[in-house]
Protein backbone atom coordinates (compact mmCIF):
# COMPACT_ATOMS: atom_id res chain seq x y z
CA UNK A 1 0.00 0.00 0.00
CA UNK A 2 1.18 3.51 -0.79
CA UNK A 3 2.09 5.76 2.11
CA UNK A 4 -0.08 8.38 0.36
CA UNK A 5 -3.30 6.41 0.84
CA UNK A 6 -5.44 5.46 3.78
CA UNK A 7 -6.29 1.77 4.12
CA UNK A 8 -9.98 1.06 4.79
CA UNK A 9 -10.21 -2.73 4.49
CA UNK A 10 -10.08 -3.40 0.76
CA UNK A 11 -10.35 0.27 -0.17
CA UNK A 12 -7.47 2.62 -0.90
CA UNK A 13 -8.46 6.25 -0.43
CA UNK A 14 -6.22 9.00 -1.79
CA UNK A 15 -6.47 12.65 -0.84
CA UNK A 16 -5.67 15.05 -3.68
CA UNK A 17 -3.46 17.19 -1.44
CA UNK A 18 -1.31 14.11 -0.66
CA UNK A 19 -0.78 13.03 -4.26
CA UNK A 20 2.67 13.51 -5.81
CA UNK A 21 2.81 16.74 -7.84
CA UNK A 22 4.86 17.20 -10.99
CA UNK A 23 5.13 19.17 -14.23
CA UNK A 24 6.25 16.47 -16.67
CA UNK A 25 5.92 18.71 -19.71
CA UNK A 26 5.74 22.49 -19.95
CA UNK A 27 2.15 23.53 -19.30
CA UNK A 28 1.16 20.12 -17.85
CA UNK A 29 0.71 20.35 -14.07
CA UNK A 30 -0.32 17.03 -12.57
CA UNK A 31 -0.95 14.92 -9.51
CA UNK A 32 -0.28 11.16 -9.43
CA UNK A 33 -1.00 8.04 -7.38
CA UNK A 34 -0.99 4.29 -7.92
CA UNK A 35 -3.07 1.41 -6.66
CA UNK A 36 -1.99 -2.18 -7.01
CA UNK A 37 -3.31 -2.50 -10.59
CA UNK A 38 -3.96 1.06 -11.81
CA UNK A 39 -2.27 4.43 -12.12
CA UNK A 40 -4.19 7.68 -11.74
CA UNK A 41 -3.21 11.15 -12.84
CA UNK A 42 -4.98 14.46 -12.80
CA UNK A 43 -3.61 17.12 -15.14
CA UNK A 44 -4.26 20.79 -15.62
CA UNK A 45 -3.15 21.38 -19.20
CA UNK A 46 -2.50 24.93 -20.37
CA UNK A 47 -4.46 26.09 -23.41
CA UNK A 48 -2.70 25.26 -26.68
CA UNK A 49 -0.58 22.42 -25.24
CA UNK A 50 -0.61 19.05 -26.95
CA UNK A 51 -0.38 15.37 -26.06
CA UNK A 52 2.96 13.88 -27.09
CA UNK A 53 2.75 10.70 -29.16
CA UNK A 54 2.59 7.62 -26.94
CA UNK A 55 0.62 4.44 -26.32
CA UNK A 56 -0.35 2.22 -23.40
CA UNK A 57 -1.04 -1.50 -23.11
CA UNK A 58 -4.24 -0.57 -21.26
CA UNK A 59 -7.12 1.77 -22.06
CA UNK A 60 -6.63 5.41 -21.17
CA UNK A 61 -9.53 7.51 -19.88
CA UNK A 62 -9.71 11.30 -20.06
CA UNK A 63 -12.32 13.27 -18.12
CA UNK A 64 -12.71 16.80 -19.48
CA UNK A 65 -13.39 19.22 -16.61
CA UNK A 66 -13.16 22.48 -18.54
CA UNK A 67 -12.05 23.56 -21.98
CA UNK A 68 -12.10 21.19 -24.96
CA UNK A 69 -10.11 18.13 -25.92
CA UNK A 70 -9.28 17.59 -29.59
CA UNK A 71 -7.54 14.64 -31.22
CA UNK A 72 -4.60 15.95 -33.26
CA UNK A 73 -4.51 12.76 -35.34
CA UNK A 74 -8.14 13.06 -36.50
CA UNK A 75 -8.83 16.75 -35.68
CA UNK A 76 -12.04 15.43 -34.06
CA UNK A 77 -13.27 17.09 -30.90
CA UNK A 78 -13.45 14.94 -27.78
CA UNK A 79 -15.97 17.34 -26.39
CA UNK A 80 -16.08 19.74 -23.52
CA UNK A 81 -16.80 19.72 -19.81
CA UNK A 82 -18.38 16.55 -18.47
CA UNK A 83 -17.20 14.33 -21.35
CA UNK A 84 -15.33 11.08 -20.80
CA UNK A 85 -12.99 10.03 -23.60
CA UNK A 86 -11.79 6.40 -23.71
CA UNK A 87 -8.66 5.76 -25.80
CA UNK A 88 -8.52 2.04 -26.72
CA UNK A 89 -5.59 -0.10 -25.52
CA UNK A 90 -2.46 0.07 -27.71
CA UNK A 91 -3.86 3.00 -29.73
CA UNK A 92 -1.36 5.72 -30.46
CA UNK A 93 -2.23 9.04 -28.90
CA UNK A 94 -0.68 12.21 -30.24
PDB file of N, CA and C in Angstrom:
ATOM      1  N   UNK A   1       0.844  -1.191   0.000  1.00  0.00           N
ATOM      2  CA  UNK A   1       0.000   0.000   0.000  1.00  0.00           C
ATOM      3  C   UNK A   1       0.878   1.240   0.000  1.00  0.00           C
ATOM      4  N   UNK A   2       0.468   2.237  -0.723  1.00  0.00           N
ATOM      5  CA  UNK A   2       1.176   3.512  -0.790  1.00  0.00           C
ATOM      6  C   UNK A   2       1.094   4.243   0.537  1.00  0.00           C
ATOM      7  N   UNK A   3       2.145   4.950   0.888  1.00  0.00           N
ATOM      8  CA  UNK A   3       2.090   5.757   2.105  1.00  0.00           C
ATOM      9  C   UNK A   3       1.254   7.015   1.885  1.00  0.00           C
ATOM     10  N   UNK A   4       0.760   7.221   0.671  1.00  0.00           N
ATOM     11  CA  UNK A   4      -0.079   8.378   0.359  1.00  0.00           C
ATOM     12  C   UNK A   4      -1.557   8.050   0.448  1.00  0.00           C
ATOM     13  N   UNK A   5      -1.900   6.820   0.783  1.00  0.00           N
ATOM     14  CA  UNK A   5      -3.304   6.407   0.835  1.00  0.00           C
ATOM     15  C   UNK A   5      -3.660   5.942   2.235  1.00  0.00           C
ATOM     16  N   UNK A   6      -4.921   6.019   2.544  1.00  0.00           N
ATOM     17  CA  UNK A   6      -5.437   5.461   3.784  1.00  0.00           C
ATOM     18  C   UNK A   6      -6.017   4.092   3.473  1.00  0.00           C
ATOM     19  N   UNK A   7      -5.805   3.133   4.347  1.00  0.00           N
ATOM     20  CA  UNK A   7      -6.292   1.770   4.125  1.00  0.00           C
ATOM     21  C   UNK A   7      -7.582   1.563   4.902  1.00  0.00           C
ATOM     22  N   UNK A   8      -8.690   1.341   4.186  1.00  0.00           N
ATOM     23  CA  UNK A   8      -9.979   1.057   4.795  1.00  0.00           C
ATOM     24  C   UNK A   8     -10.414  -0.316   4.311  1.00  0.00           C
ATOM     25  N   UNK A   9      -9.891  -1.379   4.938  1.00  0.00           N
ATOM     26  CA  UNK A   9     -10.209  -2.731   4.492  1.00  0.00           C
ATOM     27  C   UNK A   9      -9.644  -2.942   3.104  1.00  0.00           C
ATOM     28  N   UNK A  10     -10.515  -3.180   2.129  1.00  0.00           N
ATOM     29  CA  UNK A  10     -10.082  -3.404   0.757  1.00  0.00           C
ATOM     30  C   UNK A  10      -9.932  -2.101  -0.026  1.00  0.00           C
ATOM     31  N   UNK A  11     -10.378  -0.998   0.552  1.00  0.00           N
ATOM     32  CA  UNK A  11     -10.355   0.273  -0.171  1.00  0.00           C
ATOM     33  C   UNK A  11      -9.033   0.993   0.040  1.00  0.00           C
ATOM     34  N   UNK A  12      -8.588   1.685  -1.006  1.00  0.00           N
ATOM     35  CA  UNK A  12      -7.466   2.616  -0.897  1.00  0.00           C
ATOM     36  C   UNK A  12      -8.041   3.994  -1.184  1.00  0.00           C
ATOM     37  N   UNK A  13      -7.895   4.912  -0.273  1.00  0.00           N
ATOM     38  CA  UNK A  13      -8.460   6.247  -0.433  1.00  0.00           C
ATOM     39  C   UNK A  13      -7.314   7.250  -0.492  1.00  0.00           C
ATOM     40  N   UNK A  14      -7.269   8.012  -1.581  1.00  0.00           N
ATOM     41  CA  UNK A  14      -6.220   8.997  -1.789  1.00  0.00           C
ATOM     42  C   UNK A  14      -6.790  10.399  -1.624  1.00  0.00           C
ATOM     43  N   UNK A  15      -6.089  11.249  -0.937  1.00  0.00           N
ATOM     44  CA  UNK A  15      -6.468  12.654  -0.838  1.00  0.00           C
ATOM     45  C   UNK A  15      -5.664  13.428  -1.877  1.00  0.00           C
ATOM     46  N   UNK A  16      -6.332  14.294  -2.605  1.00  0.00           N
ATOM     47  CA  UNK A  16      -5.671  15.048  -3.680  1.00  0.00           C
ATOM     48  C   UNK A  16      -4.467  15.827  -3.162  1.00  0.00           C
ATOM     49  N   UNK A  17      -4.578  16.386  -1.958  1.00  0.00           N
ATOM     50  CA  UNK A  17      -3.465  17.186  -1.438  1.00  0.00           C
ATOM     51  C   UNK A  17      -2.267  16.329  -1.008  1.00  0.00           C
ATOM     52  N   UNK A  18      -2.421  15.001  -0.995  1.00  0.00           N
ATOM     53  CA  UNK A  18      -1.315  14.112  -0.655  1.00  0.00           C
ATOM     54  C   UNK A  18      -0.708  13.430  -1.874  1.00  0.00           C
ATOM     55  N   UNK A  19      -1.297  13.652  -3.044  1.00  0.00           N
ATOM     56  CA  UNK A  19      -0.781  13.029  -4.259  1.00  0.00           C
ATOM     57  C   UNK A  19       0.502  13.726  -4.698  1.00  0.00           C
ATOM     58  N   UNK A  20       1.409  12.969  -5.299  1.00  0.00           N
ATOM     59  CA  UNK A  20       2.667  13.514  -5.809  1.00  0.00           C
ATOM     60  C   UNK A  20       2.366  14.531  -6.891  1.00  0.00           C
ATOM     61  N   UNK A  21       3.022  15.698  -6.830  1.00  0.00           N
ATOM     62  CA  UNK A  21       2.810  16.741  -7.840  1.00  0.00           C
ATOM     63  C   UNK A  21       4.035  16.833  -8.739  1.00  0.00           C
ATOM     64  N   UNK A  22       3.777  17.144 -10.017  1.00  0.00           N
ATOM     65  CA  UNK A  22       4.862  17.200 -10.988  1.00  0.00           C
ATOM     66  C   UNK A  22       4.429  18.036 -12.187  1.00  0.00           C
ATOM     67  N   UNK A  23       5.394  18.533 -12.938  1.00  0.00           N
ATOM     68  CA  UNK A  23       5.133  19.167 -14.234  1.00  0.00           C
ATOM     69  C   UNK A  23       6.015  18.431 -15.228  1.00  0.00           C
ATOM     70  N   UNK A  24       5.472  17.358 -15.794  1.00  0.00           N
ATOM     71  CA  UNK A  24       6.247  16.471 -16.669  1.00  0.00           C
ATOM     72  C   UNK A  24       6.560  17.083 -18.017  1.00  0.00           C
ATOM     73  N   UNK A  25       5.713  17.982 -18.457  1.00  0.00           N
ATOM     74  CA  UNK A  25       5.922  18.707 -19.707  1.00  0.00           C
ATOM     75  C   UNK A  25       5.540  20.153 -19.441  1.00  0.00           C
ATOM     76  N   UNK A  26       6.132  21.091 -20.151  1.00  0.00           N
ATOM     77  CA  UNK A  26       5.741  22.492 -19.954  1.00  0.00           C
ATOM     78  C   UNK A  26       4.240  22.680 -20.165  1.00  0.00           C
ATOM     79  N   UNK A  27       3.584  23.286 -19.199  1.00  0.00           N
ATOM     80  CA  UNK A  27       2.154  23.528 -19.302  1.00  0.00           C
ATOM     81  C   UNK A  27       1.283  22.372 -18.843  1.00  0.00           C
ATOM     82  N   UNK A  28       1.888  21.292 -18.355  1.00  0.00           N
ATOM     83  CA  UNK A  28       1.158  20.120 -17.854  1.00  0.00           C
ATOM     84  C   UNK A  28       1.436  19.976 -16.368  1.00  0.00           C
ATOM     85  N   UNK A  29       0.564  20.511 -15.515  1.00  0.00           N
ATOM     86  CA  UNK A  29       0.708  20.351 -14.069  1.00  0.00           C
ATOM     87  C   UNK A  29      -0.158  19.179 -13.636  1.00  0.00           C
ATOM     88  N   UNK A  30       0.438  18.227 -12.911  1.00  0.00           N
ATOM     89  CA  UNK A  30      -0.317  17.035 -12.574  1.00  0.00           C
ATOM     90  C   UNK A  30      -0.112  16.525 -11.171  1.00  0.00           C
ATOM     91  N   UNK A  31      -1.017  15.645 -10.774  1.00  0.00           N
ATOM     92  CA  UNK A  31      -0.949  14.917  -9.510  1.00  0.00           C
ATOM     93  C   UNK A  31      -1.080  13.436  -9.856  1.00  0.00           C
ATOM     94  N   UNK A  32      -0.370  12.577  -9.091  1.00  0.00           N
ATOM     95  CA  UNK A  32      -0.284  11.163  -9.433  1.00  0.00           C
ATOM     96  C   UNK A  32      -0.403  10.266  -8.214  1.00  0.00           C
ATOM     97  N   UNK A  33      -0.991   9.082  -8.403  1.00  0.00           N
ATOM     98  CA  UNK A  33      -0.997   8.042  -7.383  1.00  0.00           C
ATOM     99  C   UNK A  33      -1.204   6.702  -8.074  1.00  0.00           C
ATOM    100  N   UNK A  34      -0.863   5.644  -7.379  1.00  0.00           N
ATOM    101  CA  UNK A  34      -0.988   4.288  -7.924  1.00  0.00           C
ATOM    102  C   UNK A  34      -1.666   3.371  -6.933  1.00  0.00           C
ATOM    103  N   UNK A  35      -2.537   2.517  -7.450  1.00  0.00           N
ATOM    104  CA  UNK A  35      -3.073   1.413  -6.657  1.00  0.00           C
ATOM    105  C   UNK A  35      -2.274   0.185  -7.067  1.00  0.00           C
ATOM    106  N   UNK A  36      -2.706  -0.966  -6.653  1.00  0.00           N
ATOM    107  CA  UNK A  36      -1.990  -2.183  -7.015  1.00  0.00           C
ATOM    108  C   UNK A  36      -2.019  -2.426  -8.523  1.00  0.00           C
ATOM    109  N   UNK A  37      -3.158  -2.160  -9.180  1.00  0.00           N
ATOM    110  CA  UNK A  37      -3.313  -2.495 -10.595  1.00  0.00           C
ATOM    111  C   UNK A  37      -3.533  -1.305 -11.518  1.00  0.00           C
ATOM    112  N   UNK A  38      -3.654  -0.095 -10.968  1.00  0.00           N
ATOM    113  CA  UNK A  38      -3.958   1.063 -11.806  1.00  0.00           C
ATOM    114  C   UNK A  38      -3.124   2.271 -11.405  1.00  0.00           C
ATOM    115  N   UNK A  39      -2.911   3.143 -12.374  1.00  0.00           N
ATOM    116  CA  UNK A  39      -2.270   4.434 -12.123  1.00  0.00           C
ATOM    117  C   UNK A  39      -3.290   5.525 -12.390  1.00  0.00           C
ATOM    118  N   UNK A  40      -3.255   6.574 -11.595  1.00  0.00           N
ATOM    119  CA  UNK A  40      -4.185   7.682 -11.739  1.00  0.00           C
ATOM    120  C   UNK A  40      -3.388   8.973 -11.855  1.00  0.00           C
ATOM    121  N   UNK A  41      -3.829   9.830 -12.743  1.00  0.00           N
ATOM    122  CA  UNK A  41      -3.209  11.150 -12.842  1.00  0.00           C
ATOM    123  C   UNK A  41      -4.304  12.171 -13.088  1.00  0.00           C
ATOM    124  N   UNK A  42      -4.058  13.352 -12.609  1.00  0.00           N
ATOM    125  CA  UNK A  42      -4.980  14.463 -12.805  1.00  0.00           C
ATOM    126  C   UNK A  42      -4.137  15.625 -13.306  1.00  0.00           C
ATOM    127  N   UNK A  43      -4.387  16.055 -14.534  1.00  0.00           N
ATOM    128  CA  UNK A  43      -3.607  17.124 -15.138  1.00  0.00           C
ATOM    129  C   UNK A  43      -4.423  18.399 -15.296  1.00  0.00           C
ATOM    130  N   UNK A  44      -3.757  19.505 -15.153  1.00  0.00           N
ATOM    131  CA  UNK A  44      -4.262  20.789 -15.617  1.00  0.00           C
ATOM    132  C   UNK A  44      -3.361  21.145 -16.782  1.00  0.00           C
ATOM    133  N   UNK A  45      -3.937  21.166 -17.980  1.00  0.00           N
ATOM    134  CA  UNK A  45      -3.149  21.382 -19.196  1.00  0.00           C
ATOM    135  C   UNK A  45      -3.429  22.779 -19.712  1.00  0.00           C
ATOM    136  N   UNK A  46      -2.366  23.556 -19.894  1.00  0.00           N
ATOM    137  CA  UNK A  46      -2.503  24.929 -20.371  1.00  0.00           C
ATOM    138  C   UNK A  46      -3.069  24.939 -21.797  1.00  0.00           C
ATOM    139  N   UNK A  47      -3.864  25.940 -22.083  1.00  0.00           N
ATOM    140  CA  UNK A  47      -4.464  26.091 -23.413  1.00  0.00           C
ATOM    141  C   UNK A  47      -3.375  26.065 -24.488  1.00  0.00           C
ATOM    142  N   UNK A  48      -3.636  25.320 -25.553  1.00  0.00           N
ATOM    143  CA  UNK A  48      -2.700  25.257 -26.677  1.00  0.00           C
ATOM    144  C   UNK A  48      -1.635  24.176 -26.548  1.00  0.00           C
ATOM    145  N   UNK A  49      -1.561  23.503 -25.407  1.00  0.00           N
ATOM    146  CA  UNK A  49      -0.577  22.420 -25.243  1.00  0.00           C
ATOM    147  C   UNK A  49      -1.110  21.164 -25.914  1.00  0.00           C
ATOM    148  N   UNK A  50      -0.224  20.241 -26.222  1.00  0.00           N
ATOM    149  CA  UNK A  50      -0.612  19.047 -26.951  1.00  0.00           C
ATOM    150  C   UNK A  50      -0.172  17.801 -26.190  1.00  0.00           C
ATOM    151  N   UNK A  51      -0.736  16.661 -26.620  1.00  0.00           N
ATOM    152  CA  UNK A  51      -0.380  15.370 -26.057  1.00  0.00           C
ATOM    153  C   UNK A  51       0.728  14.793 -26.925  1.00  0.00           C
ATOM    154  N   UNK A  52       1.869  14.482 -26.320  1.00  0.00           N
ATOM    155  CA  UNK A  52       2.962  13.881 -27.087  1.00  0.00           C
ATOM    156  C   UNK A  52       2.563  12.476 -27.536  1.00  0.00           C
ATOM    157  N   UNK A  53       3.114  12.019 -28.658  1.00  0.00           N
ATOM    158  CA  UNK A  53       2.748  10.695 -29.165  1.00  0.00           C
ATOM    159  C   UNK A  53       3.213   9.618 -28.193  1.00  0.00           C
ATOM    160  N   UNK A  54       2.300   8.724 -27.845  1.00  0.00           N
ATOM    161  CA  UNK A  54       2.592   7.623 -26.941  1.00  0.00           C
ATOM    162  C   UNK A  54       1.492   6.571 -27.055  1.00  0.00           C
ATOM    163  N   UNK A  55       1.675   5.454 -26.389  1.00  0.00           N
ATOM    164  CA  UNK A  55       0.625   4.441 -26.316  1.00  0.00           C
ATOM    165  C   UNK A  55       0.771   3.668 -25.016  1.00  0.00           C
ATOM    166  N   UNK A  56      -0.317   3.013 -24.624  1.00  0.00           N
ATOM    167  CA  UNK A  56      -0.350   2.219 -23.400  1.00  0.00           C
ATOM    168  C   UNK A  56      -0.894   0.835 -23.726  1.00  0.00           C
ATOM    169  N   UNK A  57      -0.502  -0.148 -22.938  1.00  0.00           N
ATOM    170  CA  UNK A  57      -1.040  -1.497 -23.108  1.00  0.00           C
ATOM    171  C   UNK A  57      -2.490  -1.571 -22.633  1.00  0.00           C
ATOM    172  N   UNK A  58      -2.891  -0.616 -21.804  1.00  0.00           N
ATOM    173  CA  UNK A  58      -4.241  -0.574 -21.265  1.00  0.00           C
ATOM    174  C   UNK A  58      -5.000   0.615 -21.855  1.00  0.00           C
ATOM    175  N   UNK A  59      -6.317   0.611 -21.658  1.00  0.00           N
ATOM    176  CA  UNK A  59      -7.117   1.766 -22.059  1.00  0.00           C
ATOM    177  C   UNK A  59      -6.674   2.990 -21.263  1.00  0.00           C
ATOM    178  N   UNK A  60      -6.918   4.138 -21.836  1.00  0.00           N
ATOM    179  CA  UNK A  60      -6.627   5.408 -21.174  1.00  0.00           C
ATOM    180  C   UNK A  60      -7.933   6.191 -21.153  1.00  0.00           C
ATOM    181  N   UNK A  61      -8.281   6.774 -20.015  1.00  0.00           N
ATOM    182  CA  UNK A  61      -9.527   7.514 -19.882  1.00  0.00           C
ATOM    183  C   UNK A  61      -9.214   8.969 -19.546  1.00  0.00           C
ATOM    184  N   UNK A  62      -9.840   9.857 -20.298  1.00  0.00           N
ATOM    185  CA  UNK A  62      -9.705  11.300 -20.057  1.00  0.00           C
ATOM    186  C   UNK A  62     -11.071  11.820 -19.626  1.00  0.00           C
ATOM    187  N   UNK A  63     -11.100  12.613 -18.571  1.00  0.00           N
ATOM    188  CA  UNK A  63     -12.322  13.274 -18.124  1.00  0.00           C
ATOM    189  C   UNK A  63     -12.094  14.768 -18.312  1.00  0.00           C
ATOM    190  N   UNK A  64     -12.881  15.384 -19.172  1.00  0.00           N
ATOM    191  CA  UNK A  64     -12.711  16.804 -19.478  1.00  0.00           C
ATOM    192  C   UNK A  64     -13.483  17.610 -18.437  1.00  0.00           C
ATOM    193  N   UNK A  65     -12.773  18.413 -17.659  1.00  0.00           N
ATOM    194  CA  UNK A  65     -13.395  19.217 -16.608  1.00  0.00           C
ATOM    195  C   UNK A  65     -13.770  20.593 -17.139  1.00  0.00           C
ATOM    196  N   UNK A  66     -12.856  21.206 -17.886  1.00  0.00           N
ATOM    197  CA  UNK A  66     -13.161  22.482 -18.536  1.00  0.00           C
ATOM    198  C   UNK A  66     -12.337  22.588 -19.801  1.00  0.00           C
ATOM    199  N   UNK A  67     -12.734  23.451 -20.689  1.00  0.00           N
ATOM    200  CA  UNK A  67     -12.055  23.564 -21.976  1.00  0.00           C
ATOM    201  C   UNK A  67     -12.537  22.476 -22.930  1.00  0.00           C
ATOM    202  N   UNK A  68     -11.735  22.203 -23.972  1.00  0.00           N
ATOM    203  CA  UNK A  68     -12.104  21.194 -24.964  1.00  0.00           C
ATOM    204  C   UNK A  68     -10.890  20.330 -25.252  1.00  0.00           C
ATOM    205  N   UNK A  69     -11.153  19.070 -25.553  1.00  0.00           N
ATOM    206  CA  UNK A  69     -10.111  18.125 -25.923  1.00  0.00           C
ATOM    207  C   UNK A  69     -10.294  17.796 -27.394  1.00  0.00           C
ATOM    208  N   UNK A  70      -9.203  17.892 -28.161  1.00  0.00           N
ATOM    209  CA  UNK A  70      -9.277  17.594 -29.593  1.00  0.00           C
ATOM    210  C   UNK A  70      -8.183  16.617 -29.945  1.00  0.00           C
ATOM    211  N   UNK A  71      -8.514  15.623 -30.748  1.00  0.00           N
ATOM    212  CA  UNK A  71      -7.543  14.640 -31.215  1.00  0.00           C
ATOM    213  C   UNK A  71      -6.729  15.235 -32.355  1.00  0.00           C
ATOM    214  N   UNK A  72      -5.419  15.420 -32.172  1.00  0.00           N
ATOM    215  CA  UNK A  72      -4.598  15.951 -33.260  1.00  0.00           C
ATOM    216  C   UNK A  72      -4.517  15.010 -34.455  1.00  0.00           C
ATOM    217  N   UNK A  73      -4.631  13.696 -34.227  1.00  0.00           N
ATOM    218  CA  UNK A  73      -4.507  12.758 -35.338  1.00  0.00           C
ATOM    219  C   UNK A  73      -5.740  12.749 -36.237  1.00  0.00           C
ATOM    220  N   UNK A  74      -6.922  13.061 -35.681  1.00  0.00           N
ATOM    221  CA  UNK A  74      -8.139  13.060 -36.498  1.00  0.00           C
ATOM    222  C   UNK A  74      -8.775  14.438 -36.579  1.00  0.00           C
ATOM    223  N   UNK A  75      -8.275  15.385 -35.781  1.00  0.00           N
ATOM    224  CA  UNK A  75      -8.835  16.745 -35.675  1.00  0.00           C
ATOM    225  C   UNK A  75     -10.280  16.707 -35.185  1.00  0.00           C
ATOM    226  N   UNK A  76     -10.696  15.576 -34.599  1.00  0.00           N
ATOM    227  CA  UNK A  76     -12.036  15.427 -34.056  1.00  0.00           C
ATOM    228  C   UNK A  76     -12.075  15.923 -32.623  1.00  0.00           C
ATOM    229  N   UNK A  77     -13.126  16.592 -32.254  1.00  0.00           N
ATOM    230  CA  UNK A  77     -13.267  17.092 -30.896  1.00  0.00           C
ATOM    231  C   UNK A  77     -13.712  15.971 -29.974  1.00  0.00           C
ATOM    232  N   UNK A  78     -13.052  15.895 -28.809  1.00  0.00           N
ATOM    233  CA  UNK A  78     -13.449  14.936 -27.781  1.00  0.00           C
ATOM    234  C   UNK A  78     -14.482  15.535 -26.858  1.00  0.00           C
ATOM    235  N   UNK A  79     -14.921  16.727 -27.177  1.00  0.00           N
ATOM    236  CA  UNK A  79     -15.974  17.344 -26.393  1.00  0.00           C
ATOM    237  C   UNK A  79     -15.447  18.246 -25.299  1.00  0.00           C
ATOM    238  N   UNK A  80     -16.389  18.782 -24.555  1.00  0.00           N
ATOM    239  CA  UNK A  80     -16.076  19.743 -23.521  1.00  0.00           C
ATOM    240  C   UNK A  80     -16.368  19.200 -22.137  1.00  0.00           C
ATOM    241  N   UNK A  81     -16.611  20.096 -21.199  1.00  0.00           N
ATOM    242  CA  UNK A  81     -16.798  19.720 -19.807  1.00  0.00           C
ATOM    243  C   UNK A  81     -17.836  18.615 -19.628  1.00  0.00           C
ATOM    244  N   UNK A  82     -17.484  17.649 -18.766  1.00  0.00           N
ATOM    245  CA  UNK A  82     -18.380  16.546 -18.471  1.00  0.00           C
ATOM    246  C   UNK A  82     -18.192  15.333 -19.368  1.00  0.00           C
ATOM    247  N   UNK A  83     -17.411  15.460 -20.437  1.00  0.00           N
ATOM    248  CA  UNK A  83     -17.203  14.333 -21.355  1.00  0.00           C
ATOM    249  C   UNK A  83     -16.138  13.393 -20.823  1.00  0.00           C
ATOM    250  N   UNK A  84     -16.327  12.105 -21.093  1.00  0.00           N
ATOM    251  CA  UNK A  84     -15.329  11.079 -20.801  1.00  0.00           C
ATOM    252  C   UNK A  84     -14.855  10.536 -22.131  1.00  0.00           C
ATOM    253  N   UNK A  85     -13.557  10.502 -22.343  1.00  0.00           N
ATOM    254  CA  UNK A  85     -12.986  10.030 -23.596  1.00  0.00           C
ATOM    255  C   UNK A  85     -12.177   8.773 -23.281  1.00  0.00           C
ATOM    256  N   UNK A  86     -12.508   7.659 -23.919  1.00  0.00           N
ATOM    257  CA  UNK A  86     -11.787   6.405 -23.714  1.00  0.00           C
ATOM    258  C   UNK A  86     -10.921   6.152 -24.940  1.00  0.00           C
ATOM    259  N   UNK A  87      -9.603   6.074 -24.732  1.00  0.00           N
ATOM    260  CA  UNK A  87      -8.662   5.765 -25.803  1.00  0.00           C
ATOM    261  C   UNK A  87      -8.389   4.263 -25.714  1.00  0.00           C
ATOM    262  N   UNK A  88      -8.689   3.486 -26.773  1.00  0.00           N
ATOM    263  CA  UNK A  88      -8.524   2.037 -26.722  1.00  0.00           C
ATOM    264  C   UNK A  88      -7.076   1.616 -26.432  1.00  0.00           C
ATOM    265  N   UNK A  89      -6.917   0.449 -25.817  1.00  0.00           N
ATOM    266  CA  UNK A  89      -5.592  -0.096 -25.523  1.00  0.00           C
ATOM    267  C   UNK A  89      -4.756  -0.176 -26.788  1.00  0.00           C
ATOM    268  N   UNK A  90      -3.494   0.103 -26.662  1.00  0.00           N
ATOM    269  CA  UNK A  90      -2.458   0.075 -27.711  1.00  0.00           C
ATOM    270  C   UNK A  90      -2.652   1.100 -28.819  1.00  0.00           C
ATOM    271  N   UNK A  91      -3.697   1.943 -28.732  1.00  0.00           N
ATOM    272  CA  UNK A  91      -3.861   2.996 -29.732  1.00  0.00           C
ATOM    273  C   UNK A  91      -2.807   4.072 -29.506  1.00  0.00           C
ATOM    274  N   UNK A  92      -2.315   4.623 -30.589  1.00  0.00           N
ATOM    275  CA  UNK A  92      -1.357   5.722 -30.464  1.00  0.00           C
ATOM    276  C   UNK A  92      -2.107   7.013 -30.212  1.00  0.00           C
ATOM    277  N   UNK A  93      -1.665   7.739 -29.222  1.00  0.00           N
ATOM    278  CA  UNK A  93      -2.232   9.044 -28.898  1.00  0.00           C
ATOM    279  C   UNK A  93      -1.190  10.078 -29.252  1.00  0.00           C
ATOM    280  N   UNK A  94      -1.608  11.112 -29.943  1.00  0.00           N
ATOM    281  CA  UNK A  94      -0.676  12.207 -30.238  1.00  0.00           C
ATOM    282  C   UNK A  94      -1.435  13.481 -30.446  1.00  0.00           C
TER     283      UNK A  94
END
